[in-house]
Amino acid sequence: MADMFEHTPEVWTAAKLRDALSGLPDETPIHIGVADGPGDFAGYGDFVLVNAEPVELDPADDETAPAGPEVQFTLFADAKAGAYHLDLD
């Protein structure tokens, strides 16, 4: 059995994202590196940002959630542009 460890990444706020993007030209594409595992960016998957919108979470998924819907702003990423094998299965 593998040893357990506590993984607590810093979740960015809109202000921190705005600060990180300040000074970039408007045409700059946003690439997202997705970790292979908690904190493991050595072999990350590279995606591009394609959408951003508020998403309503289902409070039934989390027993500690307050009553009523919770909304969080979510960035959506897709695979980078390129040629891919068509899976016909």
PDB file of N, CA and C in Angstrom:
ATOM      1  N   MET A   1       0.845  -1.185   0.000  1.00  0.00           N
ATOM      2  CA  MET A   1       0.000   0.000   0.000  1.00  0.00           C
ATOM      3  C   MET A   1       0.886   1.244   0.000  1.00  0.00           C
ATOM      4  N   ALA A   2       0.561   2.202  -0.842  1.00  0.00           N
ATOM      5  CA  ALA A   2       1.352   3.422  -0.954  1.00  0.00           C
ATOM      6  C   ALA A   2       1.125   4.328   0.247  1.00  0.00           C
ATOM      7  N   ASP A   3       2.170   5.079   0.596  1.00  0.00           N
ATOM      8  CA  ASP A   3       2.043   6.052   1.669  1.00  0.00           C
ATOM      9  C   ASP A   3       1.101   7.166   1.235  1.00  0.00           C
ATOM     10  N   MET A   4       0.341   7.702   2.174  1.00  0.00           N
ATOM     11  CA  MET A   4      -0.574   8.803   1.901  1.00  0.00           C
ATOM     12  C   MET A   4       0.144  10.119   2.160  1.00  0.00           C
ATOM     13  N   PHE A   5      -0.241  11.159   1.440  1.00  0.00           N
ATOM     14  CA  PHE A   5       0.283  12.487   1.715  1.00  0.00           C
ATOM     15  C   PHE A   5      -0.829  13.497   1.486  1.00  0.00           C
ATOM     16  N   GLU A   6      -0.734  14.578   2.200  1.00  0.00           N
ATOM     17  CA  GLU A   6      -1.724  15.651   2.111  1.00  0.00           C
ATOM     18  C   GLU A   6      -1.313  16.589   0.985  1.00  0.00           C
ATOM     19  N   HIS A   7      -2.202  16.820   0.024  1.00  0.00           N
ATOM     20  CA  HIS A   7      -1.921  17.704  -1.117  1.00  0.00           C
ATOM     21  C   HIS A   7      -2.848  18.907  -1.023  1.00  0.00           C
ATOM     22  N   THR A   8      -2.280  20.099  -0.830  1.00  0.00           N
ATOM     23  CA  THR A   8      -3.083  21.304  -0.660  1.00  0.00           C
ATOM     24  C   THR A   8      -2.578  22.397  -1.605  1.00  0.00           C
ATOM     25  N   PRO A   9      -2.966  22.343  -2.886  1.00  0.00           N
ATOM     26  CA  PRO A   9      -2.499  23.368  -3.822  1.00  0.00           C
ATOM     27  C   PRO A   9      -3.169  24.711  -3.535  1.00  0.00           C
ATOM     28  N   GLU A  10      -2.481  25.780  -3.884  1.00  0.00           N
ATOM     29  CA  GLU A  10      -3.066  27.113  -3.744  1.00  0.00           C
ATOM     30  C   GLU A  10      -4.053  27.321  -4.884  1.00  0.00           C
ATOM     31  N   VAL A  11      -5.308  27.540  -4.558  1.00  0.00           N
ATOM     32  CA  VAL A  11      -6.325  27.795  -5.567  1.00  0.00           C
ATOM     33  C   VAL A  11      -6.292  29.282  -5.895  1.00  0.00           C
ATOM     34  N   TRP A  12      -6.114  29.590  -7.163  1.00  0.00           N
ATOM     35  CA  TRP A  12      -6.023  30.988  -7.571  1.00  0.00           C
ATOM     36  C   TRP A  12      -7.389  31.666  -7.565  1.00  0.00           C
ATOM     37  N   THR A  13      -7.370  32.942  -7.245  1.00  0.00           N
ATOM     38  CA  THR A  13      -8.556  33.791  -7.338  1.00  0.00           C
ATOM     39  C   THR A  13      -8.504  34.543  -8.669  1.00  0.00           C
ATOM     40  N   ALA A  14      -9.596  35.208  -9.028  1.00  0.00           N
ATOM     41  CA  ALA A  14      -9.615  36.019 -10.245  1.00  0.00           C
ATOM     42  C   ALA A  14      -8.546  37.109 -10.164  1.00  0.00           C
ATOM     43  N   ALA A  15      -8.353  37.691  -8.987  1.00  0.00           N
ATOM     44  CA  ALA A  15      -7.343  38.752  -8.826  1.00  0.00           C
ATOM     45  C   ALA A  15      -5.941  38.221  -9.105  1.00  0.00           C
ATOM     46  N   LYS A  16      -5.632  37.021  -8.622  1.00  0.00           N
ATOM     47  CA  LYS A  16      -4.299  36.446  -8.852  1.00  0.00           C
ATOM     48  C   LYS A  16      -4.105  36.137 -10.341  1.00  0.00           C
ATOM     49  N   LEU A  17      -5.142  35.651 -11.018  1.00  0.00           N
ATOM     50  CA  LEU A  17      -5.051  35.383 -12.450  1.00  0.00           C
ATOM     51  C   LEU A  17      -4.854  36.683 -13.229  1.00  0.00           C
ATOM     52  N   ARG A  18      -5.621  37.714 -12.901  1.00  0.00           N
ATOM     53  CA  ARG A  18      -5.469  39.015 -13.569  1.00  0.00           C
ATOM     54  C   ARG A  18      -4.051  39.539 -13.386  1.00  0.00           C
ATOM     55  N   ASP A  19      -3.514  39.407 -12.183  1.00  0.00           N
ATOM     56  CA  ASP A  19      -2.159  39.871 -11.902  1.00  0.00           C
ATOM     57  C   ASP A  19      -1.134  39.106 -12.738  1.00  0.00           C
ATOM     58  N   ALA A  20      -1.318  37.789 -12.861  1.00  0.00           N
ATOM     59  CA  ALA A  20      -0.388  36.970 -13.639  1.00  0.00           C
ATOM     60  C   ALA A  20      -0.443  37.322 -15.128  1.00  0.00           C
ATOM     61  N   LEU A  21      -1.607  37.762 -15.619  1.00  0.00           N
ATOM     62  CA  LEU A  21      -1.775  38.081 -17.034  1.00  0.00           C
ATOM     63  C   LEU A  21      -1.490  39.538 -17.364  1.00  0.00           C
ATOM     64  N   SER A  22      -1.283  40.372 -16.347  1.00  0.00           N
ATOM     65  CA  SER A  22      -1.081  41.798 -16.613  1.00  0.00           C
ATOM     66  C   SER A  22       0.158  41.992 -17.482  1.00  0.00           C
ATOM     67  N   GLY A  23       0.041  42.884 -18.446  1.00  0.00           N
ATOM     68  CA  GLY A  23       1.160  43.185 -19.320  1.00  0.00           C
ATOM     69  C   GLY A  23       1.269  42.297 -20.548  1.00  0.00           C
ATOM     70  N   LEU A  24       0.486  41.218 -20.617  1.00  0.00           N
ATOM     71  CA  LEU A  24       0.529  40.360 -21.804  1.00  0.00           C
ATOM     72  C   LEU A  24      -0.307  40.988 -22.917  1.00  0.00           C
ATOM     73  N   PRO A  25       0.129  40.845 -24.166  1.00  0.00           N
ATOM     74  CA  PRO A  25      -0.698  41.345 -25.275  1.00  0.00           C
ATOM     75  C   PRO A  25      -2.035  40.600 -25.315  1.00  0.00           C
ATOM     76  N   ASP A  26      -3.072  41.276 -25.790  1.00  0.00           N
ATOM     77  CA  ASP A  26      -4.413  40.682 -25.851  1.00  0.00           C
ATOM     78  C   ASP A  26      -4.469  39.416 -26.689  1.00  0.00           C
ATOM     79  N   GLU A  27      -3.578  39.265 -27.677  1.00  0.00           N
ATOM     80  CA  GLU A  27      -3.616  38.104 -28.575  1.00  0.00           C
ATOM     81  C   GLU A  27      -2.900  36.886 -28.003  1.00  0.00           C
ATOM     82  N   THR A  28      -2.323  36.978 -26.821  1.00  0.00           N
ATOM     83  CA  THR A  28      -1.552  35.878 -26.248  1.00  0.00           C
ATOM     84  C   THR A  28      -2.453  34.693 -25.935  1.00  0.00           C
ATOM     85  N   PRO A  29      -2.195  33.509 -26.553  1.00  0.00           N
ATOM     86  CA  PRO A  29      -3.010  32.337 -26.218  1.00  0.00           C
ATOM     87  C   PRO A  29      -2.679  31.844 -24.810  1.00  0.00           C
ATOM     88  N   ILE A  30      -3.655  31.250 -24.166  1.00  0.00           N
ATOM     89  CA  ILE A  30      -3.463  30.726 -22.818  1.00  0.00           C
ATOM     90  C   ILE A  30      -3.375  29.210 -22.903  1.00  0.00           C
ATOM     91  N   HIS A  31      -2.216  28.650 -22.537  1.00  0.00           N
ATOM     92  CA  HIS A  31      -2.013  27.203 -22.485  1.00  0.00           C
ATOM     93  C   HIS A  31      -2.110  26.761 -21.035  1.00  0.00           C
ATOM     94  N   ILE A  32      -2.670  25.586 -20.812  1.00  0.00           N
ATOM     95  CA  ILE A  32      -2.836  25.049 -19.472  1.00  0.00           C
ATOM     96  C   ILE A  32      -2.099  23.726 -19.389  1.00  0.00           C
ATOM     97  N   GLY A  33      -1.173  23.618 -18.447  1.00  0.00           N
ATOM     98  CA  GLY A  33      -0.472  22.363 -18.211  1.00  0.00           C
ATOM     99  C   GLY A  33      -1.180  21.606 -17.101  1.00  0.00           C
ATOM    100  N   VAL A  34      -1.734  20.450 -17.408  1.00  0.00           N
ATOM    101  CA  VAL A  34      -2.490  19.658 -16.435  1.00  0.00           C
ATOM    102  C   VAL A  34      -1.577  18.597 -15.838  1.00  0.00           C
ATOM    103  N   ALA A  35      -1.483  18.582 -14.522  1.00  0.00           N
ATOM    104  CA  ALA A  35      -0.599  17.649 -13.830  1.00  0.00           C
ATOM    105  C   ALA A  35      -1.038  16.207 -14.059  1.00  0.00           C
ATOM    106  N   ASP A  36      -0.036  15.309 -14.178  1.00  0.00           N
ATOM    107  CA  ASP A  36      -0.337  13.880 -14.304  1.00  0.00           C
ATOM    108  C   ASP A  36      -0.861  13.307 -12.995  1.00  0.00           C
ATOM    109  N   GLY A  37      -0.483  13.901 -11.889  1.00  0.00           N
ATOM    110  CA  GLY A  37      -0.910  13.492 -10.557  1.00  0.00           C
ATOM    111  C   GLY A  37      -0.793  14.694  -9.654  1.00  0.00           C
ATOM    112  N   PRO A  38      -1.152  14.579  -8.398  1.00  0.00           N
ATOM    113  CA  PRO A  38      -1.083  15.729  -7.485  1.00  0.00           C
ATOM    114  C   PRO A  38       0.318  16.339  -7.445  1.00  0.00           C
ATOM    115  N   GLY A  39       0.435  17.565  -7.949  1.00  0.00           N
ATOM    116  CA  GLY A  39       1.698  18.291  -7.912  1.00  0.00           C
ATOM    117  C   GLY A  39       2.745  17.806  -8.899  1.00  0.00           C
ATOM    118  N   ASP A  40       2.414  16.865  -9.792  1.00  0.00           N
ATOM    119  CA  ASP A  40       3.380  16.285 -10.722  1.00  0.00           C
ATOM    120  C   ASP A  40       3.233  16.915 -12.104  1.00  0.00           C
ATOM    121  N   PHE A  41       4.047  17.943 -12.365  1.00  0.00           N
ATOM    122  CA  PHE A  41       4.000  18.622 -13.655  1.00  0.00           C
ATOM    123  C   PHE A  41       5.144  18.194 -14.572  1.00  0.00           C
ATOM    124  N   ALA A  42       5.905  17.160 -14.190  1.00  0.00           N
ATOM    125  CA  ALA A  42       7.048  16.713 -14.995  1.00  0.00           C
ATOM    126  C   ALA A  42       6.589  16.235 -16.371  1.00  0.00           C
ATOM    127  N   GLY A  43       5.478  15.525 -16.449  1.00  0.00           N
ATOM    128  CA  GLY A  43       4.982  15.029 -17.729  1.00  0.00           C
ATOM    129  C   GLY A  43       3.592  15.547 -18.006  1.00  0.00           C
ATOM    130  N   TYR A  44       3.367  16.825 -17.734  1.00  0.00           N
ATOM    131  CA  TYR A  44       2.018  17.383 -17.815  1.00  0.00           C
ATOM    132  C   TYR A  44       1.428  17.286 -19.217  1.00  0.00           C
ATOM    133  N   GLY A  45       0.091  17.241 -19.267  1.00  0.00           N
ATOM    134  CA  GLY A  45      -0.627  17.317 -20.535  1.00  0.00           C
ATOM    135  C   GLY A  45      -0.865  18.771 -20.874  1.00  0.00           C
ATOM    136  N   ASP A  46      -0.628  19.159 -22.115  1.00  0.00           N
ATOM    137  CA  ASP A  46      -0.750  20.557 -22.527  1.00  0.00           C
ATOM    138  C   ASP A  46      -2.096  20.778 -23.214  1.00  0.00           C
ATOM    139  N   PHE A  47      -2.873  21.705 -22.692  1.00  0.00           N
ATOM    140  CA  PHE A  47      -4.191  22.033 -23.231  1.00  0.00           C
ATOM    141  C   PHE A  47      -4.267  23.532 -23.484  1.00  0.00           C
ATOM    142  N   VAL A  48      -5.278  23.971 -24.221  1.00  0.00           N
ATOM    143  CA  VAL A  48      -5.491  25.390 -24.464  1.00  0.00           C
ATOM    144  C   VAL A  48      -6.847  25.793 -23.894  1.00  0.00           C
ATOM    145  N   LEU A  49      -6.926  27.021 -23.431  1.00  0.00           N
ATOM    146  CA  LEU A  49      -8.164  27.551 -22.864  1.00  0.00           C
ATOM    147  C   LEU A  49      -9.139  27.832 -23.995  1.00  0.00           C
ATOM    148  N   VAL A  50     -10.367  27.298 -23.883  1.00  0.00           N
ATOM    149  CA  VAL A  50     -11.362  27.491 -24.941  1.00  0.00           C
ATOM    150  C   VAL A  50     -12.646  28.159 -24.460  1.00  0.00           C
ATOM    151  N   ASN A  51     -12.855  28.231 -23.139  1.00  0.00           N
ATOM    152  CA  ASN A  51     -14.094  28.824 -22.649  1.00  0.00           C
ATOM    153  C   ASN A  51     -13.933  29.140 -21.162  1.00  0.00           C
ATOM    154  N   ALA A  52     -14.764  30.033 -20.678  1.00  0.00           N
ATOM    155  CA  ALA A  52     -14.806  30.362 -19.260  1.00  0.00           C
ATOM    156  C   ALA A  52     -16.212  30.835 -18.943  1.00  0.00           C
ATOM    157  N   GLU A  53     -16.806  30.258 -17.911  1.00  0.00           N
ATOM    158  CA  GLU A  53     -18.167  30.655 -17.556  1.00  0.00           C
ATOM    159  C   GLU A  53     -18.495  30.203 -16.134  1.00  0.00           C
ATOM    160  N   PRO A  54     -19.491  30.844 -15.530  1.00  0.00           N
ATOM    161  CA  PRO A  54     -19.925  30.385 -14.213  1.00  0.00           C
ATOM    162  C   PRO A  54     -20.625  29.034 -14.338  1.00  0.00           C
ATOM    163  N   VAL A  55     -20.328  28.140 -13.427  1.00  0.00           N
ATOM    164  CA  VAL A  55     -20.919  26.804 -13.428  1.00  0.00           C
ATOM    165  C   VAL A  55     -21.601  26.581 -12.085  1.00  0.00           C
ATOM    166  N   GLU A  56     -22.852  26.131 -12.129  1.00  0.00           N
ATOM    167  CA  GLU A  56     -23.591  25.848 -10.902  1.00  0.00           C
ATOM    168  C   GLU A  56     -23.262  24.436 -10.438  1.00  0.00           C
ATOM    169  N   LEU A  57     -22.805  24.302  -9.203  1.00  0.00           N
ATOM    170  CA  LEU A  57     -22.459  23.014  -8.626  1.00  0.00           C
ATOM    171  C   LEU A  57     -23.671  22.415  -7.939  1.00  0.00           C
ATOM    172  N   ASP A  58     -23.752  21.113  -7.931  1.00  0.00           N
ATOM    173  CA  ASP A  58     -24.846  20.424  -7.265  1.00  0.00           C
ATOM    174  C   ASP A  58     -24.488  20.254  -5.790  1.00  0.00           C
ATOM    175  N   PRO A  59     -25.207  20.914  -4.876  1.00  0.00           N
ATOM    176  CA  PRO A  59     -24.852  20.805  -3.453  1.00  0.00           C
ATOM    177  C   PRO A  59     -25.002  19.384  -2.916  1.00  0.00           C
ATOM    178  N   ALA A  60     -25.737  18.529  -3.619  1.00  0.00           N
ATOM    179  CA  ALA A  60     -25.896  17.146  -3.163  1.00  0.00           C
ATOM    180  C   ALA A  60     -24.588  16.372  -3.268  1.00  0.00           C
ATOM    181  N   ASP A  61     -23.640  16.879  -4.074  1.00  0.00           N
ATOM    182  CA  ASP A  61     -22.345  16.213  -4.227  1.00  0.00           C
ATOM    183  C   ASP A  61     -21.457  16.411  -3.009  1.00  0.00           C
ATOM    184  N   ASP A  62     -21.769  17.389  -2.178  1.00  0.00           N
ATOM    185  CA  ASP A  62     -20.925  17.718  -1.030  1.00  0.00           C
ATOM    186  C   ASP A  62     -21.820  17.953   0.184  1.00  0.00           C
ATOM    187  N   GLU A  63     -21.737  17.070   1.157  1.00  0.00           N
ATOM    188  CA  GLU A  63     -22.607  17.171   2.333  1.00  0.00           C
ATOM    189  C   GLU A  63     -22.307  18.403   3.183  1.00  0.00           C
ATOM    190  N   THR A  64     -21.103  18.990   3.039  1.00  0.00           N
ATOM    191  CA  THR A  64     -20.738  20.165   3.835  1.00  0.00           C
ATOM    192  C   THR A  64     -21.122  21.465   3.132  1.00  0.00           C
ATOM    193  N   ALA A  65     -21.650  21.371   1.900  1.00  0.00           N
ATOM    194  CA  ALA A  65     -22.005  22.572   1.141  1.00  0.00           C
ATOM    195  C   ALA A  65     -23.212  23.252   1.767  1.00  0.00           C
ATOM    196  N   PRO A  66     -23.258  24.598   1.669  1.00  0.00           N
ATOM    197  CA  PRO A  66     -24.442  25.307   2.169  1.00  0.00           C
ATOM    198  C   PRO A  66     -25.660  24.970   1.316  1.00  0.00           C
ATOM    199  N   ALA A  67     -26.840  25.179   1.890  1.00  0.00           N
ATOM    200  CA  ALA A  67     -28.077  24.898   1.159  1.00  0.00           C
ATOM    201  C   ALA A  67     -28.176  25.815  -0.051  1.00  0.00           C
ATOM    202  N   GLY A  68     -28.753  25.306  -1.120  1.00  0.00           N
ATOM    203  CA  GLY A  68     -28.899  26.094  -2.335  1.00  0.00           C
ATOM    204  C   GLY A  68     -27.723  25.897  -3.269  1.00  0.00           C
ATOM    205  N   PRO A  69     -27.880  26.345  -4.512  1.00  0.00           N
ATOM    206  CA  PRO A  69     -26.815  26.143  -5.491  1.00  0.00           C
ATOM    207  C   PRO A  69     -25.595  27.019  -5.192  1.00  0.00           C
ATOM    208  N   GLU A  70     -24.432  26.476  -5.514  1.00  0.00           N
ATOM    209  CA  GLU A  70     -23.185  27.226  -5.400  1.00  0.00           C
ATOM    210  C   GLU A  70     -22.662  27.407  -6.814  1.00  0.00           C
ATOM    211  N   VAL A  71     -22.155  28.587  -7.128  1.00  0.00           N
ATOM    212  CA  VAL A  71     -21.638  28.870  -8.462  1.00  0.00           C
ATOM    213  C   VAL A  71     -20.154  29.158  -8.354  1.00  0.00           C
ATOM    214  N   GLN A  72     -19.381  28.534  -9.239  1.00  0.00           N
ATOM    215  CA  GLN A  72     -17.959  28.852  -9.309  1.00  0.00           C
ATOM    216  C   GLN A  72     -17.622  29.175 -10.756  1.00  0.00           C
ATOM    217  N   PHE A  73     -16.627  30.018 -10.956  1.00  0.00           N
ATOM    218  CA  PHE A  73     -16.205  30.375 -12.306  1.00  0.00           C
ATOM    219  C   PHE A  73     -15.228  29.317 -12.776  1.00  0.00           C
ATOM    220  N   THR A  74     -15.486  28.717 -13.924  1.00  0.00           N
ATOM    221  CA  THR A  74     -14.706  27.584 -14.403  1.00  0.00           C
ATOM    222  C   THR A  74     -14.071  27.899 -15.753  1.00  0.00           C
ATOM    223  N   LEU A  75     -12.776  27.591 -15.891  1.00  0.00           N
ATOM    224  CA  LEU A  75     -12.064  27.697 -17.155  1.00  0.00           C
ATOM    225  C   LEU A  75     -12.102  26.324 -17.823  1.00  0.00           C
ATOM    226  N   PHE A  76     -12.456  26.283 -19.093  1.00  0.00           N
ATOM    227  CA  PHE A  76     -12.537  25.023 -19.822  1.00  0.00           C
ATOM    228  C   PHE A  76     -11.374  24.925 -20.801  1.00  0.00           C
ATOM    229  N   ALA A  77     -10.719  23.771 -20.829  1.00  0.00           N
ATOM    230  CA  ALA A  77      -9.582  23.553 -21.713  1.00  0.00           C
ATOM    231  C   ALA A  77      -9.887  22.397 -22.658  1.00  0.00           C
ATOM    232  N   ASP A  78      -9.246  22.434 -23.822  1.00  0.00           N
ATOM    233  CA  ASP A  78      -9.391  21.364 -24.807  1.00  0.00           C
ATOM    234  C   ASP A  78      -7.992  20.976 -25.279  1.00  0.00           C
ATOM    235  N   ALA A  79      -7.883  19.865 -25.989  1.00  0.00           N
ATOM    236  CA  ALA A  79      -6.602  19.449 -26.546  1.00  0.00           C
ATOM    237  C   ALA A  79      -6.100  20.530 -27.501  1.00  0.00           C
ATOM    238  N   LYS A  80      -4.779  20.661 -27.599  1.00  0.00           N
ATOM    239  CA  LYS A  80      -4.191  21.642 -28.516  1.00  0.00           C
ATOM    240  C   LYS A  80      -4.567  21.295 -29.948  1.00  0.00           C
ATOM    241  N   ALA A  81      -4.546  22.299 -30.815  1.00  0.00           N
ATOM    242  CA  ALA A  81      -4.828  22.077 -32.235  1.00  0.00           C
ATOM    243  C   ALA A  81      -3.782  21.131 -32.812  1.00  0.00           C
ATOM    244  N   GLY A  82      -4.207  20.262 -33.704  1.00  0.00           N
ATOM    245  CA  GLY A  82      -3.290  19.323 -34.339  1.00  0.00           C
ATOM    246  C   GLY A  82      -4.052  18.203 -34.996  1.00  0.00           C
ATOM    247  N   ALA A  83      -3.323  17.224 -35.521  1.00  0.00           N
ATOM    248  CA  ALA A  83      -3.939  16.056 -36.152  1.00  0.00           C
ATOM    249  C   ALA A  83      -3.948  14.911 -35.145  1.00  0.00           C
ATOM    250  N   TYR A  84      -5.084  14.249 -35.013  1.00  0.00           N
ATOM    251  CA  TYR A  84      -5.246  13.169 -34.041  1.00  0.00           C
ATOM    252  C   TYR A  84      -5.798  11.932 -34.745  1.00  0.00           C
ATOM    253  N   HIS A  85      -5.485  10.752 -34.211  1.00  0.00           N
ATOM    254  CA  HIS A  85      -6.032   9.513 -34.738  1.00  0.00           C
ATOM    255  C   HIS A  85      -7.524   9.447 -34.412  1.00  0.00           C
ATOM    256  N   LEU A  86      -8.332   9.038 -35.374  1.00  0.00           N
ATOM    257  CA  LEU A  86      -9.766   8.889 -35.191  1.00  0.00           C
ATOM    258  C   LEU A  86     -10.032   7.521 -34.591  1.00  0.00           C
ATOM    259  N   ASP A  87     -10.628   7.491 -33.404  1.00  0.00           N
ATOM    260  CA  ASP A  87     -10.941   6.238 -32.733  1.00  0.00           C
ATOM    261  C   ASP A  87     -12.330   5.787 -33.156  1.00  0.00           C
ATOM    262  N   LEU A  88     -12.402   4.718 -33.921  1.00  0.00           N
ATOM    263  CA  LEU A  88     -13.680   4.244 -34.462  1.00  0.00           C
ATOM    264  C   LEU A  88     -14.344   3.182 -33.598  1.00  0.00           C
ATOM    265  N   ASP A  89     -13.828   2.906 -32.415  1.00  0.00           N
ATOM    266  CA  ASP A  89     -14.419   1.885 -31.539  1.00  0.00           C
ATOM    267  C   ASP A  89     -15.690   2.333 -30.916  1.00  0.00           C
TER     268      ASP A  89
END
